[in-house]
Structure formats: structure tokens, C-alpha cells
Amino acid sequence: MTLAAYLVAALAEIAGCFAFWHVVRAGGSPLWLIAGMVSLAVFAAALTQVEASAAGRAFAAYGGIYIAASLAWMWAVEGMRPDRFDAIGMAVCLAGAAIILWAPRG
């Protein structure tokens, strides 16, 4: 459930932020802002489904997932393939997220 919630959150956050980017930076229709706001609400709701002992821990671990999803978005939507440094950085961040979320705690 945690991974699914993180993936939904990441897609919703990136899509919502992209909608704002599209309006402000690319001159898109302001109607994109409605979709962006709905998407960002879905993002916030998805994060409440993460199984973690503290909100801060869930949000911190989400950072690694967000980085991976952002690079996937860059490749799939923007047509720019991540380079080896993107891949290395993503791997480090995902390892950190896993440690934060799943480390054995007493």
C-alpha cells in the first residue's frame, strides 16, 4: 500500500506542478490551473495513505520517490532521457528513502 500511495502521490504532484509550469512558463490556458489544483489535492490525499509512524518520516521518504518520478516524467513527457548522473542520484535518493521508511526501530 505504501509504494502505491507514493506512486499516486508522485504522479499527482508532478502533474499538478506541471500544470502550473505550463501556464506560467509556457503561456498555457489558465484552465490548466483547475486541473493542477485538483491534482495537487490528490497528491496530498495520497500521502495520508502512507504507512509511517510520523508524517514527517512519510514526507521525507517520499522525497526519493518524487525524484525518481520526476526523472521518469522528464523522459516520458518532456522527451529528455536521464543521464547516468541522474540515475546515480536517483539510486542514492531511493536508498535513503528506503532507510528512512523501513529501518528497524525499537
N, C-alpha and C. Protein backbone atom coordinates (compact mmCIF):
# COMPACT_ATOMS: atom_id res chain seq x y z
N MET A 1 0.83 -1.20 0.00
CA MET A 1 0.00 0.00 0.00
C MET A 1 0.87 1.25 0.00
N THR A 2 1.97 1.23 0.75
CA THR A 2 2.83 2.40 0.85
C THR A 2 3.40 2.79 -0.50
N LEU A 3 3.95 1.82 -1.23
CA LEU A 3 4.54 2.13 -2.53
C LEU A 3 3.48 2.65 -3.49
N ALA A 4 2.30 2.05 -3.49
CA ALA A 4 1.23 2.52 -4.37
C ALA A 4 0.83 3.94 -4.02
N ALA A 5 0.70 4.24 -2.74
CA ALA A 5 0.35 5.61 -2.32
C ALA A 5 1.41 6.60 -2.76
N TYR A 6 2.67 6.21 -2.61
CA TYR A 6 3.77 7.10 -3.04
C TYR A 6 3.74 7.32 -4.56
N LEU A 7 3.47 6.28 -5.31
CA LEU A 7 3.44 6.43 -6.77
C LEU A 7 2.28 7.32 -7.22
N VAL A 8 1.12 7.13 -6.61
CA VAL A 8 -0.02 8.01 -6.92
C VAL A 8 0.31 9.45 -6.53
N ALA A 9 0.89 9.62 -5.35
CA ALA A 9 1.25 10.97 -4.88
C ALA A 9 2.24 11.62 -5.84
N ALA A 10 3.24 10.88 -6.26
CA ALA A 10 4.26 11.44 -7.14
C ALA A 10 3.66 11.87 -8.48
N LEU A 11 2.87 10.99 -9.07
CA LEU A 11 2.26 11.34 -10.36
C LEU A 11 1.35 12.55 -10.21
N ALA A 12 0.56 12.58 -9.16
CA ALA A 12 -0.36 13.71 -8.96
C ALA A 12 0.40 15.00 -8.68
N GLU A 13 1.45 14.94 -7.87
CA GLU A 13 2.21 16.16 -7.58
C GLU A 13 2.90 16.70 -8.82
N ILE A 14 3.54 15.82 -9.56
CA ILE A 14 4.25 16.26 -10.75
C ILE A 14 3.28 16.81 -11.79
N ALA A 15 2.16 16.13 -11.99
CA ALA A 15 1.16 16.63 -12.94
C ALA A 15 0.61 17.97 -12.50
N GLY A 16 0.33 18.12 -11.21
CA GLY A 16 -0.19 19.39 -10.71
C GLY A 16 0.81 20.53 -10.88
N CYS A 17 2.05 20.26 -10.53
CA CYS A 17 3.08 21.29 -10.68
C CYS A 17 3.34 21.60 -12.15
N PHE A 18 3.29 20.57 -12.99
CA PHE A 18 3.48 20.79 -14.42
C PHE A 18 2.37 21.67 -15.00
N ALA A 19 1.16 21.50 -14.50
CA ALA A 19 0.05 22.35 -14.97
C ALA A 19 0.35 23.82 -14.69
N PHE A 20 0.84 24.11 -13.48
CA PHE A 20 1.20 25.50 -13.15
C PHE A 20 2.37 25.97 -14.01
N TRP A 21 3.35 25.11 -14.19
CA TRP A 21 4.51 25.44 -15.03
C TRP A 21 4.03 25.78 -16.44
N HIS A 22 3.11 24.97 -16.96
CA HIS A 22 2.61 25.17 -18.31
C HIS A 22 1.93 26.53 -18.46
N VAL A 23 1.20 26.95 -17.46
CA VAL A 23 0.53 28.25 -17.52
C VAL A 23 1.53 29.38 -17.40
N VAL A 24 2.38 29.32 -16.41
CA VAL A 24 3.30 30.43 -16.11
C VAL A 24 4.45 30.52 -17.10
N ARG A 25 5.06 29.39 -17.41
CA ARG A 25 6.28 29.41 -18.23
C ARG A 25 6.03 29.20 -19.72
N ALA A 26 4.94 28.50 -20.06
CA ALA A 26 4.70 28.20 -21.47
C ALA A 26 3.48 28.91 -22.04
N GLY A 27 2.83 29.75 -21.22
CA GLY A 27 1.71 30.52 -21.70
C GLY A 27 0.44 29.71 -21.94
N GLY A 28 0.29 28.62 -21.24
CA GLY A 28 -0.90 27.78 -21.39
C GLY A 28 -2.15 28.45 -20.86
N SER A 29 -3.28 27.89 -21.22
CA SER A 29 -4.57 28.40 -20.76
C SER A 29 -4.67 28.32 -19.24
N PRO A 30 -5.25 29.36 -18.61
CA PRO A 30 -5.46 29.32 -17.16
C PRO A 30 -6.34 28.17 -16.70
N LEU A 31 -7.09 27.54 -17.60
CA LEU A 31 -7.89 26.38 -17.23
C LEU A 31 -7.02 25.22 -16.73
N TRP A 32 -5.76 25.21 -17.15
CA TRP A 32 -4.82 24.20 -16.65
C TRP A 32 -4.70 24.28 -15.12
N LEU A 33 -4.91 25.48 -14.57
CA LEU A 33 -4.77 25.65 -13.12
C LEU A 33 -5.81 24.85 -12.34
N ILE A 34 -6.99 24.69 -12.91
CA ILE A 34 -8.03 23.89 -12.24
C ILE A 34 -7.56 22.44 -12.13
N ALA A 35 -7.10 21.90 -13.24
CA ALA A 35 -6.59 20.52 -13.22
C ALA A 35 -5.40 20.42 -12.28
N GLY A 36 -4.56 21.43 -12.27
CA GLY A 36 -3.39 21.42 -11.39
C GLY A 36 -3.78 21.40 -9.92
N MET A 37 -4.78 22.19 -9.55
CA MET A 37 -5.21 22.22 -8.15
C MET A 37 -5.85 20.89 -7.73
N VAL A 38 -6.64 20.30 -8.61
CA VAL A 38 -7.24 19.00 -8.30
C VAL A 38 -6.15 17.95 -8.14
N SER A 39 -5.19 17.98 -9.03
CA SER A 39 -4.09 17.03 -8.97
C SER A 39 -3.29 17.18 -7.68
N LEU A 40 -3.05 18.40 -7.25
CA LEU A 40 -2.30 18.61 -6.01
C LEU A 40 -3.10 18.17 -4.78
N ALA A 41 -4.42 18.27 -4.85
CA ALA A 41 -5.25 17.75 -3.75
C ALA A 41 -5.17 16.22 -3.70
N VAL A 42 -5.15 15.58 -4.85
CA VAL A 42 -4.99 14.13 -4.91
C VAL A 42 -3.63 13.73 -4.32
N PHE A 43 -2.61 14.51 -4.64
CA PHE A 43 -1.27 14.28 -4.07
C PHE A 43 -1.31 14.27 -2.55
N ALA A 44 -1.90 15.30 -1.97
CA ALA A 44 -1.95 15.41 -0.52
C ALA A 44 -2.76 14.26 0.09
N ALA A 45 -3.86 13.90 -0.53
CA ALA A 45 -4.68 12.80 -0.03
C ALA A 45 -3.92 11.47 -0.10
N ALA A 46 -3.17 11.27 -1.16
CA ALA A 46 -2.42 10.02 -1.32
C ALA A 46 -1.37 9.87 -0.22
N LEU A 47 -0.72 10.96 0.14
CA LEU A 47 0.31 10.88 1.19
C LEU A 47 -0.28 10.49 2.55
N THR A 48 -1.55 10.76 2.77
CA THR A 48 -2.16 10.36 4.05
C THR A 48 -2.33 8.85 4.13
N GLN A 49 -2.19 8.15 3.02
CA GLN A 49 -2.36 6.69 2.99
C GLN A 49 -1.06 5.93 3.25
N VAL A 50 0.05 6.65 3.38
CA VAL A 50 1.34 6.01 3.61
C VAL A 50 1.42 5.47 5.03
N GLU A 51 1.87 4.23 5.15
CA GLU A 51 2.01 3.61 6.45
C GLU A 51 3.35 4.02 7.06
N ALA A 52 3.31 5.01 7.93
CA ALA A 52 4.52 5.50 8.62
C ALA A 52 4.11 5.96 10.00
N SER A 53 5.07 5.94 10.92
CA SER A 53 4.77 6.29 12.31
C SER A 53 4.65 7.80 12.51
N ALA A 54 5.15 8.59 11.57
CA ALA A 54 5.08 10.05 11.69
C ALA A 54 4.94 10.66 10.30
N ALA A 55 4.20 11.72 10.20
CA ALA A 55 4.01 12.39 8.91
C ALA A 55 5.35 12.84 8.34
N GLY A 56 6.20 13.40 9.19
CA GLY A 56 7.50 13.88 8.71
C GLY A 56 8.33 12.77 8.09
N ARG A 57 8.27 11.59 8.68
CA ARG A 57 9.01 10.44 8.13
C ARG A 57 8.42 10.04 6.77
N ALA A 58 7.12 10.02 6.67
CA ALA A 58 6.47 9.68 5.39
C ALA A 58 6.84 10.69 4.32
N PHE A 59 6.85 11.96 4.69
CA PHE A 59 7.18 13.02 3.72
C PHE A 59 8.65 12.95 3.32
N ALA A 60 9.53 12.67 4.28
CA ALA A 60 10.96 12.59 3.97
C ALA A 60 11.25 11.43 3.02
N ALA A 61 10.65 10.28 3.30
CA ALA A 61 10.86 9.12 2.43
C ALA A 61 10.28 9.37 1.04
N TYR A 62 9.19 10.11 0.99
CA TYR A 62 8.57 10.44 -0.30
C TYR A 62 9.52 11.19 -1.21
N GLY A 63 10.44 11.94 -0.63
CA GLY A 63 11.38 12.71 -1.45
C GLY A 63 12.12 11.85 -2.47
N GLY A 64 12.54 10.67 -2.08
CA GLY A 64 13.23 9.78 -3.01
C GLY A 64 12.33 9.32 -4.14
N ILE A 65 11.09 9.00 -3.80
CA ILE A 65 10.12 8.58 -4.81
C ILE A 65 9.83 9.73 -5.77
N TYR A 66 9.72 10.94 -5.22
CA TYR A 66 9.45 12.12 -6.05
C TYR A 66 10.58 12.34 -7.06
N ILE A 67 11.81 12.17 -6.62
CA ILE A 67 12.95 12.36 -7.53
C ILE A 67 12.90 11.34 -8.66
N ALA A 68 12.66 10.09 -8.34
CA ALA A 68 12.57 9.06 -9.37
C ALA A 68 11.42 9.35 -10.34
N ALA A 69 10.28 9.72 -9.80
CA ALA A 69 9.12 10.01 -10.66
C ALA A 69 9.36 11.25 -11.52
N SER A 70 10.06 12.22 -10.98
CA SER A 70 10.36 13.43 -11.75
C SER A 70 11.25 13.11 -12.95
N LEU A 71 12.23 12.25 -12.74
CA LEU A 71 13.09 11.86 -13.86
C LEU A 71 12.32 11.03 -14.88
N ALA A 72 11.42 10.18 -14.42
CA ALA A 72 10.58 9.42 -15.35
C ALA A 72 9.68 10.37 -16.15
N TRP A 73 9.13 11.37 -15.49
CA TRP A 73 8.29 12.38 -16.16
C TRP A 73 9.12 13.12 -17.22
N MET A 74 10.34 13.52 -16.84
CA MET A 74 11.21 14.24 -17.77
C MET A 74 11.41 13.42 -19.04
N TRP A 75 11.58 12.11 -18.86
CA TRP A 75 11.82 11.23 -20.00
C TRP A 75 10.53 11.01 -20.80
N ALA A 76 9.45 10.64 -20.12
CA ALA A 76 8.21 10.27 -20.79
C ALA A 76 7.45 11.45 -21.39
N VAL A 77 7.40 12.56 -20.66
CA VAL A 77 6.57 13.69 -21.09
C VAL A 77 7.38 14.75 -21.82
N GLU A 78 8.57 15.04 -21.30
CA GLU A 78 9.38 16.10 -21.89
C GLU A 78 10.38 15.60 -22.93
N GLY A 79 10.50 14.29 -23.06
CA GLY A 79 11.35 13.73 -24.09
C GLY A 79 12.84 13.86 -23.84
N MET A 80 13.24 14.09 -22.60
CA MET A 80 14.66 14.22 -22.27
C MET A 80 15.07 13.03 -21.42
N ARG A 81 15.93 12.20 -21.99
CA ARG A 81 16.37 10.99 -21.29
C ARG A 81 17.33 11.33 -20.15
N PRO A 82 17.09 10.77 -18.97
CA PRO A 82 18.02 11.00 -17.85
C PRO A 82 19.41 10.46 -18.19
N ASP A 83 20.43 11.15 -17.72
CA ASP A 83 21.79 10.68 -17.96
C ASP A 83 22.27 9.84 -16.78
N ARG A 84 23.50 9.38 -16.83
CA ARG A 84 24.00 8.49 -15.78
C ARG A 84 24.06 9.16 -14.43
N PHE A 85 24.30 10.47 -14.40
CA PHE A 85 24.33 11.18 -13.12
C PHE A 85 22.94 11.31 -12.52
N ASP A 86 21.93 11.46 -13.38
CA ASP A 86 20.55 11.43 -12.91
C ASP A 86 20.25 10.07 -12.28
N ALA A 87 20.68 9.00 -12.96
CA ALA A 87 20.41 7.65 -12.47
C ALA A 87 21.13 7.38 -11.15
N ILE A 88 22.37 7.82 -11.04
CA ILE A 88 23.13 7.62 -9.79
C ILE A 88 22.47 8.39 -8.65
N GLY A 89 22.14 9.64 -8.90
CA GLY A 89 21.48 10.45 -7.88
C GLY A 89 20.16 9.85 -7.45
N MET A 90 19.40 9.35 -8.42
CA MET A 90 18.11 8.73 -8.10
C MET A 90 18.32 7.50 -7.22
N ALA A 91 19.30 6.68 -7.55
CA ALA A 91 19.56 5.48 -6.76
C ALA A 91 19.93 5.82 -5.33
N VAL A 92 20.74 6.84 -5.15
CA VAL A 92 21.13 7.28 -3.80
C VAL A 92 19.89 7.75 -3.03
N CYS A 93 19.05 8.53 -3.69
CA CYS A 93 17.85 9.04 -3.03
C CYS A 93 16.88 7.92 -2.67
N LEU A 94 16.71 6.96 -3.56
CA LEU A 94 15.81 5.84 -3.26
C LEU A 94 16.35 4.99 -2.11
N ALA A 95 17.66 4.83 -2.06
CA ALA A 95 18.25 4.09 -0.93
C ALA A 95 18.00 4.84 0.37
N GLY A 96 18.15 6.15 0.34
CA GLY A 96 17.87 6.96 1.53
C GLY A 96 16.42 6.87 1.94
N ALA A 97 15.52 6.91 0.98
CA ALA A 97 14.09 6.81 1.28
C ALA A 97 13.77 5.47 1.91
N ALA A 98 14.37 4.40 1.40
CA ALA A 98 14.12 3.06 1.97
C ALA A 98 14.63 2.98 3.40
N ILE A 99 15.77 3.55 3.66
CA ILE A 99 16.32 3.54 5.03
C ILE A 99 15.39 4.29 5.97
N ILE A 100 14.96 5.47 5.55
CA ILE A 100 14.07 6.28 6.39
C ILE A 100 12.77 5.53 6.70
N LEU A 101 12.18 4.94 5.68
CA LEU A 101 10.85 4.34 5.83
C LEU A 101 10.88 2.97 6.50
N TRP A 102 11.85 2.15 6.16
CA TRP A 102 11.80 0.75 6.58
C TRP A 102 12.89 0.34 7.57
N ALA A 103 13.65 1.28 8.09
CA ALA A 103 14.68 0.92 9.06
C ALA A 103 14.01 0.33 10.32
N PRO A 104 14.64 -0.70 10.89
CA PRO A 104 14.05 -1.26 12.12
C PRO A 104 14.19 -0.26 13.27
N ARG A 105 13.08 0.02 13.89
CA ARG A 105 13.09 0.96 15.02
C ARG A 105 12.51 0.25 16.23
N GLY A 106 13.05 0.59 17.39
CA GLY A 106 12.61 -0.06 18.63
C GLY A 106 11.35 0.44 19.15
